[in-house]
Amino acid sequence: MFNKTRNILNNKLLAASVLVTASGSAFAEGANETAITAAVDAGKSMVSLTTSGVIGIAALGFGLGMVVSWLRK
């Protein structure tokens, strides 16, 4: 009898937590959408800037290496 009561209570708690979670995500969808979009755009621009910086530093290092190797000859 005790296990049956415990199962019913667990099922009711599970159902209540699912309802609270579902309603919370429904309220948060519109409010955070613009913030998420702005964060994604900022992340894309940072990746672009970082990529161009790494390529530039690699090209500079390669060019200096070539100049030094030509001067050693």
N, C-alpha and C. Protein backbone atom coordinates (compact mmCIF):
# COMPACT_ATOMS: atom_id res chain seq x y z
N MET A 1 0.82 -1.20 0.00
CA MET A 1 0.00 0.00 0.00
C MET A 1 0.87 1.26 0.00
N PHE A 2 1.95 1.21 0.77
CA PHE A 2 2.82 2.37 0.89
C PHE A 2 3.50 2.69 -0.45
N ASN A 3 3.92 1.64 -1.16
CA ASN A 3 4.58 1.85 -2.46
C ASN A 3 3.62 2.44 -3.49
N LYS A 4 2.36 2.01 -3.45
CA LYS A 4 1.38 2.55 -4.38
C LYS A 4 1.14 4.04 -4.11
N THR A 5 1.07 4.39 -2.85
CA THR A 5 0.90 5.80 -2.49
C THR A 5 2.11 6.62 -2.91
N ARG A 6 3.28 6.05 -2.71
CA ARG A 6 4.51 6.74 -3.11
C ARG A 6 4.55 6.94 -4.62
N ASN A 7 4.16 5.93 -5.41
CA ASN A 7 4.15 6.05 -6.86
C ASN A 7 3.17 7.11 -7.34
N ILE A 8 1.98 7.15 -6.72
CA ILE A 8 0.99 8.17 -7.10
C ILE A 8 1.53 9.56 -6.80
N LEU A 9 2.14 9.72 -5.63
CA LEU A 9 2.71 11.02 -5.25
C LEU A 9 3.83 11.42 -6.20
N ASN A 10 4.71 10.47 -6.57
CA ASN A 10 5.79 10.76 -7.50
C ASN A 10 5.25 11.15 -8.87
N ASN A 11 4.21 10.47 -9.33
CA ASN A 11 3.62 10.79 -10.62
C ASN A 11 3.00 12.18 -10.61
N LYS A 12 2.34 12.54 -9.52
CA LYS A 12 1.74 13.88 -9.44
C LYS A 12 2.83 14.95 -9.38
N LEU A 13 3.91 14.68 -8.65
CA LEU A 13 5.01 15.64 -8.61
C LEU A 13 5.67 15.78 -9.97
N LEU A 14 5.82 14.68 -10.67
CA LEU A 14 6.39 14.71 -12.01
C LEU A 14 5.52 15.52 -12.96
N ALA A 15 4.22 15.30 -12.91
CA ALA A 15 3.30 16.04 -13.77
C ALA A 15 3.33 17.53 -13.44
N ALA A 16 3.38 17.87 -12.17
CA ALA A 16 3.44 19.28 -11.78
C ALA A 16 4.74 19.93 -12.24
N SER A 17 5.85 19.22 -12.12
CA SER A 17 7.13 19.81 -12.54
C SER A 17 7.19 19.98 -14.05
N VAL A 18 6.58 19.06 -14.80
CA VAL A 18 6.54 19.20 -16.26
C VAL A 18 5.71 20.41 -16.64
N LEU A 19 4.59 20.62 -15.99
CA LEU A 19 3.75 21.78 -16.29
C LEU A 19 4.47 23.09 -15.97
N VAL A 20 5.16 23.12 -14.84
CA VAL A 20 5.88 24.35 -14.47
C VAL A 20 7.00 24.62 -15.45
N THR A 21 7.71 23.59 -15.86
CA THR A 21 8.81 23.76 -16.82
C THR A 21 8.28 24.21 -18.17
N ALA A 22 7.23 23.61 -18.63
CA ALA A 22 6.67 23.97 -19.94
C ALA A 22 6.16 25.40 -19.93
N SER A 23 5.51 25.82 -18.87
CA SER A 23 4.99 27.18 -18.84
C SER A 23 6.12 28.19 -18.70
N GLY A 24 7.16 27.84 -18.00
CA GLY A 24 8.31 28.74 -17.86
C GLY A 24 9.02 28.97 -19.17
N SER A 25 9.18 27.92 -19.95
CA SER A 25 9.84 28.08 -21.24
C SER A 25 8.96 28.86 -22.22
N ALA A 26 7.66 28.74 -22.10
CA ALA A 26 6.77 29.49 -22.97
C ALA A 26 6.85 30.99 -22.67
N PHE A 27 6.99 31.35 -21.40
CA PHE A 27 7.12 32.76 -21.05
C PHE A 27 8.46 33.33 -21.48
N ALA A 28 9.50 32.54 -21.46
CA ALA A 28 10.84 33.04 -21.74
C ALA A 28 11.16 33.11 -23.22
N GLU A 29 10.35 32.53 -24.07
CA GLU A 29 10.70 32.44 -25.48
C GLU A 29 10.81 33.81 -26.14
N GLY A 30 9.81 34.65 -25.98
CA GLY A 30 9.82 35.94 -26.65
C GLY A 30 10.81 36.93 -26.05
N ALA A 31 11.01 36.87 -24.76
CA ALA A 31 11.85 37.85 -24.10
C ALA A 31 13.33 37.63 -24.39
N ASN A 32 13.75 36.42 -24.48
CA ASN A 32 15.18 36.14 -24.66
C ASN A 32 15.60 35.93 -26.10
N GLU A 33 14.66 35.91 -27.00
CA GLU A 33 15.00 35.64 -28.40
C GLU A 33 15.92 36.72 -28.97
N THR A 34 15.65 37.98 -28.67
CA THR A 34 16.50 39.04 -29.20
C THR A 34 17.88 39.02 -28.55
N ALA A 35 17.94 38.69 -27.27
CA ALA A 35 19.24 38.62 -26.60
C ALA A 35 20.08 37.47 -27.16
N ILE A 36 19.45 36.35 -27.44
CA ILE A 36 20.18 35.21 -28.01
C ILE A 36 20.66 35.54 -29.41
N THR A 37 19.82 36.18 -30.20
CA THR A 37 20.21 36.56 -31.56
C THR A 37 21.38 37.53 -31.53
N ALA A 38 21.34 38.50 -30.64
CA ALA A 38 22.44 39.46 -30.52
C ALA A 38 23.73 38.77 -30.09
N ALA A 39 23.62 37.82 -29.17
CA ALA A 39 24.81 37.10 -28.71
C ALA A 39 25.41 36.25 -29.82
N VAL A 40 24.56 35.62 -30.62
CA VAL A 40 25.06 34.81 -31.74
C VAL A 40 25.75 35.69 -32.77
N ASP A 41 25.17 36.84 -33.07
CA ASP A 41 25.79 37.76 -34.02
C ASP A 41 27.13 38.27 -33.52
N ALA A 42 27.20 38.60 -32.23
CA ALA A 42 28.46 39.05 -31.65
C ALA A 42 29.50 37.94 -31.68
N GLY A 43 29.08 36.72 -31.44
CA GLY A 43 30.00 35.59 -31.49
C GLY A 43 30.53 35.36 -32.90
N LYS A 44 29.67 35.51 -33.89
CA LYS A 44 30.11 35.34 -35.28
C LYS A 44 31.14 36.40 -35.66
N SER A 45 30.90 37.64 -35.24
CA SER A 45 31.86 38.69 -35.57
C SER A 45 33.19 38.47 -34.85
N MET A 46 33.15 37.96 -33.62
CA MET A 46 34.39 37.68 -32.90
C MET A 46 35.17 36.55 -33.55
N VAL A 47 34.47 35.53 -34.05
CA VAL A 47 35.14 34.43 -34.74
C VAL A 47 35.79 34.94 -36.03
N SER A 48 35.09 35.78 -36.74
CA SER A 48 35.63 36.34 -37.97
C SER A 48 36.88 37.17 -37.69
N LEU A 49 36.82 38.00 -36.66
CA LEU A 49 37.96 38.83 -36.29
C LEU A 49 39.14 37.98 -35.84
N THR A 50 38.88 36.97 -35.06
CA THR A 50 39.95 36.09 -34.57
C THR A 50 40.58 35.32 -35.72
N THR A 51 39.76 34.82 -36.64
CA THR A 51 40.29 34.07 -37.77
C THR A 51 41.18 34.93 -38.64
N SER A 52 40.75 36.13 -38.94
CA SER A 52 41.58 37.01 -39.77
C SER A 52 42.86 37.40 -39.03
N GLY A 53 42.79 37.56 -37.72
CA GLY A 53 44.00 37.87 -36.95
C GLY A 53 44.99 36.73 -36.95
N VAL A 54 44.51 35.51 -36.79
CA VAL A 54 45.41 34.34 -36.80
C VAL A 54 46.04 34.16 -38.18
N ILE A 55 45.26 34.34 -39.23
CA ILE A 55 45.80 34.21 -40.59
C ILE A 55 46.83 35.31 -40.84
N GLY A 56 46.55 36.52 -40.38
CA GLY A 56 47.51 37.62 -40.55
C GLY A 56 48.81 37.37 -39.82
N ILE A 57 48.73 36.89 -38.60
CA ILE A 57 49.95 36.61 -37.83
C ILE A 57 50.73 35.46 -38.47
N ALA A 58 50.04 34.45 -38.98
CA ALA A 58 50.72 33.34 -39.66
C ALA A 58 51.42 33.82 -40.92
N ALA A 59 50.76 34.68 -41.69
CA ALA A 59 51.38 35.22 -42.90
C ALA A 59 52.59 36.08 -42.55
N LEU A 60 52.49 36.87 -41.50
CA LEU A 60 53.61 37.69 -41.06
C LEU A 60 54.78 36.83 -40.61
N GLY A 61 54.50 35.79 -39.85
CA GLY A 61 55.56 34.87 -39.40
C GLY A 61 56.22 34.15 -40.57
N PHE A 62 55.41 33.72 -41.53
CA PHE A 62 55.96 33.05 -42.71
C PHE A 62 56.83 34.01 -43.52
N GLY A 63 56.34 35.24 -43.69
CA GLY A 63 57.11 36.24 -44.46
C GLY A 63 58.42 36.58 -43.78
N LEU A 64 58.41 36.76 -42.48
CA LEU A 64 59.65 37.06 -41.76
C LEU A 64 60.61 35.88 -41.82
N GLY A 65 60.07 34.68 -41.77
CA GLY A 65 60.91 33.49 -41.89
C GLY A 65 61.57 33.41 -43.25
N MET A 66 60.83 33.76 -44.28
CA MET A 66 61.41 33.76 -45.63
C MET A 66 62.49 34.82 -45.76
N VAL A 67 62.28 36.00 -45.23
CA VAL A 67 63.28 37.07 -45.29
C VAL A 67 64.53 36.66 -44.54
N VAL A 68 64.38 36.10 -43.36
CA VAL A 68 65.54 35.67 -42.60
C VAL A 68 66.29 34.57 -43.33
N SER A 69 65.59 33.62 -43.94
CA SER A 69 66.27 32.56 -44.67
C SER A 69 66.99 33.10 -45.90
N TRP A 70 66.44 34.11 -46.57
CA TRP A 70 67.13 34.71 -47.71
C TRP A 70 68.36 35.50 -47.26
N LEU A 71 68.27 36.15 -46.09
CA LEU A 71 69.42 36.92 -45.59
C LEU A 71 70.56 36.01 -45.13
N ARG A 72 70.24 34.79 -44.73
CA ARG A 72 71.28 33.86 -44.26
C ARG A 72 72.10 33.31 -45.43
N LYS A 73 71.57 33.34 -46.62
CA LYS A 73 72.28 32.77 -47.78
C LYS A 73 73.46 33.56 -48.14
